[in-house]
Amino acid sequence: MARKGPGTDGPLQTALLESMSAATTRASEGQKIFSPIAVFLDKYRSQTTGLAPHLLRALTALSDDLALVAQQHFNAYISATKTGFALCPSSLEALLALEAQKETISAFFVNCQIERSSRWVSYRVTNVPRKIGQILDG
């Protein structure tokens, strides 16, 4: 069996190069998707110096939560991990309108499964604090 010369790519090298190319493409696409969100949050946070401390804490908490969720979706997008989104229309008409666009939604979100969501029932539980915090070792 003949050995390949130093300038030729074997199947492992080819697979690695293809993976790197796909990751670079997804990173670039992810940057286009998520960069405007990051710019908006950073700009808004830097312009809110005049807020009362309790409002600034609330804005900071919201912004941090949004940044965390955006980071998780960005990482999932880059690694091509499948994540889920649920569209929960408030009426049967809206559900039927969404279902009529199944093909368009499938084409936009490649490799996704479009199906009706299960019906959820919400319950109100009394005596549960609105905010649950952590006690950090300090």
N, C-alpha and C. Protein backbone atom coordinates (compact mmCIF):
# COMPACT_ATOMS: atom_id res chain seq x y z
N MET A 1 0.85 -1.17 0.00
CA MET A 1 0.00 0.00 0.00
C MET A 1 0.89 1.23 0.00
N ALA A 2 0.61 2.16 -0.87
CA ALA A 2 1.45 3.35 -1.00
C ALA A 2 1.12 4.36 0.09
N ARG A 3 2.17 5.01 0.63
CA ARG A 3 1.97 6.06 1.63
C ARG A 3 1.69 7.37 0.93
N LYS A 4 0.86 8.17 1.56
CA LYS A 4 0.56 9.48 1.00
C LYS A 4 1.72 10.41 1.29
N GLY A 5 2.00 11.28 0.37
CA GLY A 5 3.08 12.25 0.55
C GLY A 5 2.70 13.32 1.55
N PRO A 6 3.68 14.18 1.94
CA PRO A 6 3.43 15.18 2.96
C PRO A 6 2.41 16.24 2.56
N GLY A 7 2.13 16.45 1.31
CA GLY A 7 1.21 17.51 0.90
C GLY A 7 -0.24 17.05 0.78
N THR A 8 -0.53 15.78 0.96
CA THR A 8 -1.88 15.28 0.77
C THR A 8 -2.59 15.12 2.11
N ASP A 9 -3.89 15.24 2.06
CA ASP A 9 -4.70 15.11 3.27
C ASP A 9 -5.32 13.72 3.34
N GLY A 10 -5.24 13.14 4.52
CA GLY A 10 -5.90 11.87 4.75
C GLY A 10 -7.32 12.12 5.21
N PRO A 11 -8.09 11.08 5.46
CA PRO A 11 -9.50 11.25 5.85
C PRO A 11 -9.66 11.95 7.20
N LEU A 12 -8.74 11.71 8.13
CA LEU A 12 -8.86 12.40 9.44
C LEU A 12 -8.57 13.88 9.30
N GLN A 13 -7.53 14.22 8.53
CA GLN A 13 -7.19 15.62 8.30
C GLN A 13 -8.33 16.32 7.56
N THR A 14 -8.91 15.67 6.59
CA THR A 14 -10.03 16.24 5.85
C THR A 14 -11.22 16.48 6.77
N ALA A 15 -11.53 15.51 7.63
CA ALA A 15 -12.65 15.66 8.57
C ALA A 15 -12.39 16.81 9.53
N LEU A 16 -11.15 16.92 10.01
CA LEU A 16 -10.80 18.02 10.92
C LEU A 16 -10.96 19.37 10.24
N LEU A 17 -10.47 19.48 9.02
CA LEU A 17 -10.59 20.75 8.28
C LEU A 17 -12.05 21.10 8.01
N GLU A 18 -12.86 20.10 7.68
CA GLU A 18 -14.28 20.36 7.46
C GLU A 18 -14.97 20.80 8.73
N SER A 19 -14.63 20.18 9.85
CA SER A 19 -15.21 20.57 11.15
C SER A 19 -14.81 21.99 11.51
N MET A 20 -13.53 22.32 11.29
CA MET A 20 -13.06 23.68 11.58
C MET A 20 -13.77 24.71 10.70
N SER A 21 -13.94 24.37 9.46
CA SER A 21 -14.61 25.28 8.53
C SER A 21 -16.07 25.50 8.95
N ALA A 22 -16.74 24.41 9.31
CA ALA A 22 -18.14 24.52 9.74
C ALA A 22 -18.25 25.33 11.02
N ALA A 23 -17.33 25.12 11.97
CA ALA A 23 -17.36 25.87 13.24
C ALA A 23 -17.10 27.34 12.99
N THR A 24 -16.17 27.65 12.09
CA THR A 24 -15.87 29.05 11.76
C THR A 24 -17.08 29.72 11.13
N THR A 25 -17.74 29.01 10.24
CA THR A 25 -18.94 29.55 9.60
C THR A 25 -20.04 29.78 10.63
N ARG A 26 -20.26 28.82 11.51
CA ARG A 26 -21.30 28.96 12.54
C ARG A 26 -20.95 30.08 13.51
N ALA A 27 -19.67 30.25 13.83
CA ALA A 27 -19.26 31.34 14.73
C ALA A 27 -19.55 32.69 14.08
N SER A 28 -19.26 32.79 12.80
CA SER A 28 -19.52 34.04 12.08
C SER A 28 -21.02 34.32 12.01
N GLU A 29 -21.81 33.29 11.71
CA GLU A 29 -23.26 33.45 11.68
C GLU A 29 -23.81 33.80 13.06
N GLY A 30 -23.30 33.12 14.08
CA GLY A 30 -23.72 33.40 15.45
C GLY A 30 -23.41 34.83 15.86
N GLN A 31 -22.26 35.33 15.42
CA GLN A 31 -21.89 36.71 15.70
C GLN A 31 -22.91 37.67 15.08
N LYS A 32 -23.34 37.38 13.87
CA LYS A 32 -24.34 38.23 13.20
C LYS A 32 -25.67 38.21 13.95
N ILE A 33 -26.02 37.05 14.49
CA ILE A 33 -27.30 36.92 15.19
C ILE A 33 -27.25 37.57 16.56
N PHE A 34 -26.22 37.27 17.34
CA PHE A 34 -26.20 37.65 18.75
C PHE A 34 -25.50 38.98 19.05
N SER A 35 -24.68 39.48 18.14
CA SER A 35 -23.97 40.73 18.39
C SER A 35 -24.92 41.91 18.62
N PRO A 36 -25.98 42.08 17.82
CA PRO A 36 -26.88 43.21 18.09
C PRO A 36 -27.51 43.16 19.48
N ILE A 37 -27.78 41.97 19.99
CA ILE A 37 -28.33 41.84 21.33
C ILE A 37 -27.32 42.32 22.36
N ALA A 38 -26.08 41.88 22.21
CA ALA A 38 -25.03 42.28 23.15
C ALA A 38 -24.78 43.78 23.09
N VAL A 39 -24.74 44.35 21.90
CA VAL A 39 -24.51 45.79 21.75
C VAL A 39 -25.64 46.57 22.42
N PHE A 40 -26.88 46.14 22.19
CA PHE A 40 -28.02 46.81 22.81
C PHE A 40 -27.94 46.79 24.33
N LEU A 41 -27.70 45.60 24.90
CA LEU A 41 -27.63 45.48 26.36
C LEU A 41 -26.49 46.30 26.94
N ASP A 42 -25.31 46.21 26.32
CA ASP A 42 -24.16 46.96 26.82
C ASP A 42 -24.39 48.47 26.74
N LYS A 43 -24.95 48.92 25.63
CA LYS A 43 -25.19 50.36 25.46
C LYS A 43 -26.23 50.85 26.47
N TYR A 44 -27.31 50.10 26.64
CA TYR A 44 -28.36 50.53 27.56
C TYR A 44 -27.86 50.55 28.99
N ARG A 45 -27.10 49.54 29.37
CA ARG A 45 -26.57 49.50 30.74
C ARG A 45 -25.62 50.65 31.01
N SER A 46 -24.85 51.05 30.01
CA SER A 46 -23.90 52.15 30.22
C SER A 46 -24.59 53.51 30.28
N GLN A 47 -25.82 53.61 29.82
CA GLN A 47 -26.55 54.88 29.80
C GLN A 47 -27.51 55.05 30.97
N THR A 48 -27.48 54.17 31.93
CA THR A 48 -28.45 54.20 33.03
C THR A 48 -27.80 54.57 34.35
N THR A 49 -26.84 55.47 34.32
CA THR A 49 -26.13 55.82 35.55
C THR A 49 -27.01 56.61 36.51
N GLY A 50 -28.07 57.24 36.04
CA GLY A 50 -28.90 58.06 36.90
C GLY A 50 -30.03 57.32 37.59
N LEU A 51 -30.08 56.02 37.46
CA LEU A 51 -31.17 55.26 38.08
C LEU A 51 -30.96 55.13 39.59
N ALA A 52 -32.07 55.03 40.29
CA ALA A 52 -32.01 54.75 41.73
C ALA A 52 -31.38 53.38 41.93
N PRO A 53 -30.70 53.16 43.06
CA PRO A 53 -30.00 51.89 43.27
C PRO A 53 -30.88 50.65 43.11
N HIS A 54 -32.11 50.69 43.61
CA HIS A 54 -32.97 49.51 43.48
C HIS A 54 -33.36 49.25 42.02
N LEU A 55 -33.52 50.30 41.23
CA LEU A 55 -33.83 50.13 39.81
C LEU A 55 -32.61 49.63 39.05
N LEU A 56 -31.45 50.15 39.44
CA LEU A 56 -30.22 49.71 38.79
C LEU A 56 -29.95 48.23 39.07
N ARG A 57 -30.22 47.78 40.30
CA ARG A 57 -30.06 46.36 40.63
C ARG A 57 -31.02 45.50 39.81
N ALA A 58 -32.26 45.97 39.66
CA ALA A 58 -33.24 45.21 38.87
C ALA A 58 -32.81 45.14 37.40
N LEU A 59 -32.35 46.26 36.86
CA LEU A 59 -31.89 46.28 35.47
C LEU A 59 -30.67 45.39 35.29
N THR A 60 -29.76 45.44 36.25
CA THR A 60 -28.56 44.61 36.18
C THR A 60 -28.92 43.13 36.22
N ALA A 61 -29.84 42.76 37.10
CA ALA A 61 -30.26 41.36 37.19
C ALA A 61 -30.91 40.91 35.88
N LEU A 62 -31.79 41.74 35.32
CA LEU A 62 -32.43 41.40 34.04
C LEU A 62 -31.39 41.28 32.94
N SER A 63 -30.50 42.23 32.86
CA SER A 63 -29.48 42.22 31.82
C SER A 63 -28.57 41.01 31.95
N ASP A 64 -28.18 40.68 33.19
CA ASP A 64 -27.33 39.51 33.40
C ASP A 64 -28.05 38.22 32.99
N ASP A 65 -29.34 38.13 33.32
CA ASP A 65 -30.12 36.95 32.93
C ASP A 65 -30.23 36.84 31.41
N LEU A 66 -30.50 37.96 30.75
CA LEU A 66 -30.59 37.95 29.28
C LEU A 66 -29.24 37.59 28.66
N ALA A 67 -28.17 38.12 29.22
CA ALA A 67 -26.84 37.81 28.71
C ALA A 67 -26.53 36.33 28.87
N LEU A 68 -26.91 35.75 29.99
CA LEU A 68 -26.67 34.33 30.24
C LEU A 68 -27.44 33.46 29.24
N VAL A 69 -28.70 33.79 29.02
CA VAL A 69 -29.52 33.03 28.06
C VAL A 69 -28.96 33.19 26.64
N ALA A 70 -28.59 34.42 26.27
CA ALA A 70 -28.01 34.65 24.94
C ALA A 70 -26.71 33.87 24.78
N GLN A 71 -25.88 33.84 25.83
CA GLN A 71 -24.62 33.10 25.78
C GLN A 71 -24.87 31.61 25.61
N GLN A 72 -25.86 31.09 26.32
CA GLN A 72 -26.18 29.66 26.20
C GLN A 72 -26.64 29.33 24.78
N HIS A 73 -27.48 30.18 24.20
CA HIS A 73 -27.96 29.92 22.85
C HIS A 73 -26.84 30.12 21.82
N PHE A 74 -25.97 31.11 22.06
CA PHE A 74 -24.84 31.32 21.17
C PHE A 74 -23.94 30.09 21.18
N ASN A 75 -23.60 29.59 22.37
CA ASN A 75 -22.76 28.40 22.48
C ASN A 75 -23.42 27.19 21.83
N ALA A 76 -24.73 27.05 22.04
CA ALA A 76 -25.45 25.94 21.42
C ALA A 76 -25.45 26.08 19.90
N TYR A 77 -25.58 27.31 19.42
CA TYR A 77 -25.57 27.54 17.97
C TYR A 77 -24.20 27.19 17.39
N ILE A 78 -23.13 27.65 18.05
CA ILE A 78 -21.77 27.40 17.56
C ILE A 78 -21.49 25.90 17.52
N SER A 79 -21.88 25.19 18.57
CA SER A 79 -21.58 23.76 18.64
C SER A 79 -22.61 22.90 17.92
N ALA A 80 -23.58 23.56 17.30
CA ALA A 80 -24.65 22.88 16.56
C ALA A 80 -25.47 21.98 17.47
N THR A 81 -25.54 22.35 18.74
CA THR A 81 -26.38 21.62 19.68
C THR A 81 -27.83 22.03 19.44
N LYS A 82 -28.70 21.08 19.43
CA LYS A 82 -30.10 21.40 19.22
C LYS A 82 -30.70 21.95 20.50
N THR A 83 -31.34 23.08 20.38
CA THR A 83 -32.05 23.68 21.51
C THR A 83 -33.51 23.77 21.13
N GLY A 84 -34.34 24.02 22.08
CA GLY A 84 -35.76 24.05 21.79
C GLY A 84 -36.39 25.39 22.09
N PHE A 85 -37.33 25.73 21.30
CA PHE A 85 -38.16 26.91 21.52
C PHE A 85 -39.60 26.45 21.42
N ALA A 86 -40.44 27.04 22.21
CA ALA A 86 -41.85 26.68 22.17
C ALA A 86 -42.65 27.90 21.74
N LEU A 87 -43.47 27.72 20.73
CA LEU A 87 -44.40 28.77 20.33
C LEU A 87 -45.74 28.41 20.94
N CYS A 88 -46.23 29.27 21.78
CA CYS A 88 -47.47 29.00 22.50
C CYS A 88 -48.51 30.04 22.13
N PRO A 89 -49.20 29.83 21.04
CA PRO A 89 -50.22 30.80 20.64
C PRO A 89 -51.37 30.85 21.64
N SER A 90 -51.97 32.01 21.74
CA SER A 90 -53.03 32.19 22.72
C SER A 90 -54.40 31.79 22.20
N SER A 91 -54.50 31.53 20.91
CA SER A 91 -55.80 31.17 20.36
C SER A 91 -55.65 30.05 19.34
N LEU A 92 -56.74 29.39 19.05
CA LEU A 92 -56.74 28.34 18.06
C LEU A 92 -56.42 28.90 16.67
N GLU A 93 -56.91 30.10 16.40
CA GLU A 93 -56.65 30.72 15.10
C GLU A 93 -55.16 30.96 14.91
N ALA A 94 -54.47 31.44 15.96
CA ALA A 94 -53.03 31.68 15.88
C ALA A 94 -52.28 30.36 15.71
N LEU A 95 -52.73 29.32 16.39
CA LEU A 95 -52.12 28.00 16.25
C LEU A 95 -52.25 27.50 14.82
N LEU A 96 -53.42 27.64 14.25
CA LEU A 96 -53.65 27.18 12.87
C LEU A 96 -52.81 27.99 11.88
N ALA A 97 -52.66 29.29 12.16
CA ALA A 97 -51.83 30.13 11.29
C ALA A 97 -50.36 29.69 11.35
N LEU A 98 -49.90 29.36 12.55
CA LEU A 98 -48.52 28.85 12.69
C LEU A 98 -48.35 27.51 11.99
N GLU A 99 -49.32 26.63 12.19
CA GLU A 99 -49.22 25.32 11.55
C GLU A 99 -49.25 25.42 10.03
N ALA A 100 -49.92 26.43 9.51
CA ALA A 100 -49.96 26.63 8.06
C ALA A 100 -48.58 27.03 7.53
N GLN A 101 -47.72 27.53 8.42
CA GLN A 101 -46.38 27.96 8.02
C GLN A 101 -45.30 26.95 8.42
N LYS A 102 -45.69 25.71 8.63
CA LYS A 102 -44.75 24.67 9.04
C LYS A 102 -43.53 24.58 8.13
N GLU A 103 -43.76 24.58 6.84
CA GLU A 103 -42.66 24.44 5.88
C GLU A 103 -41.70 25.61 5.97
N THR A 104 -42.23 26.82 6.09
CA THR A 104 -41.39 28.01 6.20
C THR A 104 -40.56 27.98 7.47
N ILE A 105 -41.19 27.60 8.57
CA ILE A 105 -40.49 27.52 9.85
C ILE A 105 -39.41 26.45 9.78
N SER A 106 -39.73 25.30 9.20
CA SER A 106 -38.75 24.22 9.06
C SER A 106 -37.57 24.64 8.20
N ALA A 107 -37.83 25.40 7.15
CA ALA A 107 -36.74 25.85 6.28
C ALA A 107 -35.85 26.85 7.00
N PHE A 108 -36.43 27.67 7.86
CA PHE A 108 -35.64 28.67 8.60
C PHE A 108 -34.81 28.03 9.69
N PHE A 109 -35.44 27.19 10.51
CA PHE A 109 -34.75 26.47 11.59
C PHE A 109 -34.42 25.08 11.06
N VAL A 110 -33.29 24.93 10.44
CA VAL A 110 -32.91 23.68 9.80
C VAL A 110 -32.89 22.54 10.82
N ASN A 111 -33.35 21.40 10.41
CA ASN A 111 -33.36 20.18 11.24
C ASN A 111 -34.16 20.34 12.52
N CYS A 112 -35.33 20.92 12.41
CA CYS A 112 -36.15 21.04 13.61
C CYS A 112 -37.46 20.28 13.40
N GLN A 113 -38.04 19.91 14.49
CA GLN A 113 -39.30 19.18 14.45
C GLN A 113 -40.42 20.16 14.79
N ILE A 114 -41.39 20.26 13.94
CA ILE A 114 -42.52 21.16 14.15
C ILE A 114 -43.71 20.30 14.55
N GLU A 115 -44.23 20.55 15.73
CA GLU A 115 -45.38 19.79 16.20
C GLU A 115 -46.17 20.63 17.19
N ARG A 116 -47.39 20.22 17.43
CA ARG A 116 -48.23 20.90 18.42
C ARG A 116 -47.66 20.69 19.81
N SER A 117 -47.74 21.73 20.60
CA SER A 117 -47.26 21.59 21.98
C SER A 117 -48.34 20.91 22.81
N SER A 118 -47.90 20.33 23.91
CA SER A 118 -48.87 19.75 24.82
C SER A 118 -49.50 20.87 25.64
N ARG A 119 -50.66 20.64 26.11
CA ARG A 119 -51.39 21.64 26.88
C ARG A 119 -50.88 21.66 28.31
N TRP A 120 -50.44 22.82 28.77
CA TRP A 120 -49.92 22.98 30.12
C TRP A 120 -50.99 23.58 31.01
N VAL A 121 -50.96 23.20 32.24
CA VAL A 121 -51.87 23.78 33.23
C VAL A 121 -51.01 24.45 34.29
N SER A 122 -51.27 25.71 34.54
CA SER A 122 -50.51 26.45 35.55
C SER A 122 -51.28 26.49 36.85
N TYR A 123 -50.54 26.39 37.94
CA TYR A 123 -51.13 26.46 39.27
C TYR A 123 -50.42 27.54 40.06
N ARG A 124 -51.16 28.22 40.89
CA ARG A 124 -50.56 29.20 41.77
C ARG A 124 -50.33 28.53 43.12
N VAL A 125 -49.10 28.62 43.58
CA VAL A 125 -48.74 28.03 44.86
C VAL A 125 -48.51 29.17 45.84
N THR A 126 -49.22 29.15 46.94
CA THR A 126 -49.09 30.23 47.91
C THR A 126 -47.88 29.99 48.82
N ASN A 127 -47.45 31.05 49.46
CA ASN A 127 -46.34 31.02 50.42
C ASN A 127 -45.00 30.63 49.81
N VAL A 128 -44.79 30.93 48.54
CA VAL A 128 -43.50 30.73 47.90
C VAL A 128 -42.91 32.12 47.66
N PRO A 129 -41.69 32.36 48.11
CA PRO A 129 -41.11 33.69 47.92
C PRO A 129 -40.98 34.04 46.44
N ARG A 130 -41.12 35.32 46.14
CA ARG A 130 -41.00 35.76 44.75
C ARG A 130 -39.57 35.64 44.25
N LYS A 131 -38.63 35.86 45.14
CA LYS A 131 -37.23 35.79 44.75
C LYS A 131 -36.52 34.82 45.68
N ILE A 132 -35.83 33.90 45.07
CA ILE A 132 -35.07 32.94 45.85
C ILE A 132 -33.60 33.23 45.59
N GLY A 133 -32.86 33.53 46.63
CA GLY A 133 -31.46 33.87 46.48
C GLY A 133 -30.55 32.79 47.01
N GLN A 134 -29.27 33.02 46.90
CA GLN A 134 -28.28 32.09 47.40
C GLN A 134 -27.52 32.75 48.53
N ILE A 135 -27.13 31.97 49.50
CA ILE A 135 -26.27 32.46 50.54
C ILE A 135 -24.86 32.04 50.15
N LEU A 136 -24.02 33.05 49.90
CA LEU A 136 -22.67 32.78 49.46
C LEU A 136 -21.74 32.80 50.67
N ASP A 137 -20.76 31.93 50.63
CA ASP A 137 -19.75 31.95 51.69
C ASP A 137 -18.98 33.26 51.56
N GLY A 138 -18.90 34.00 52.60
CA GLY A 138 -18.27 35.29 52.46
C GLY A 138 -17.33 35.57 53.52
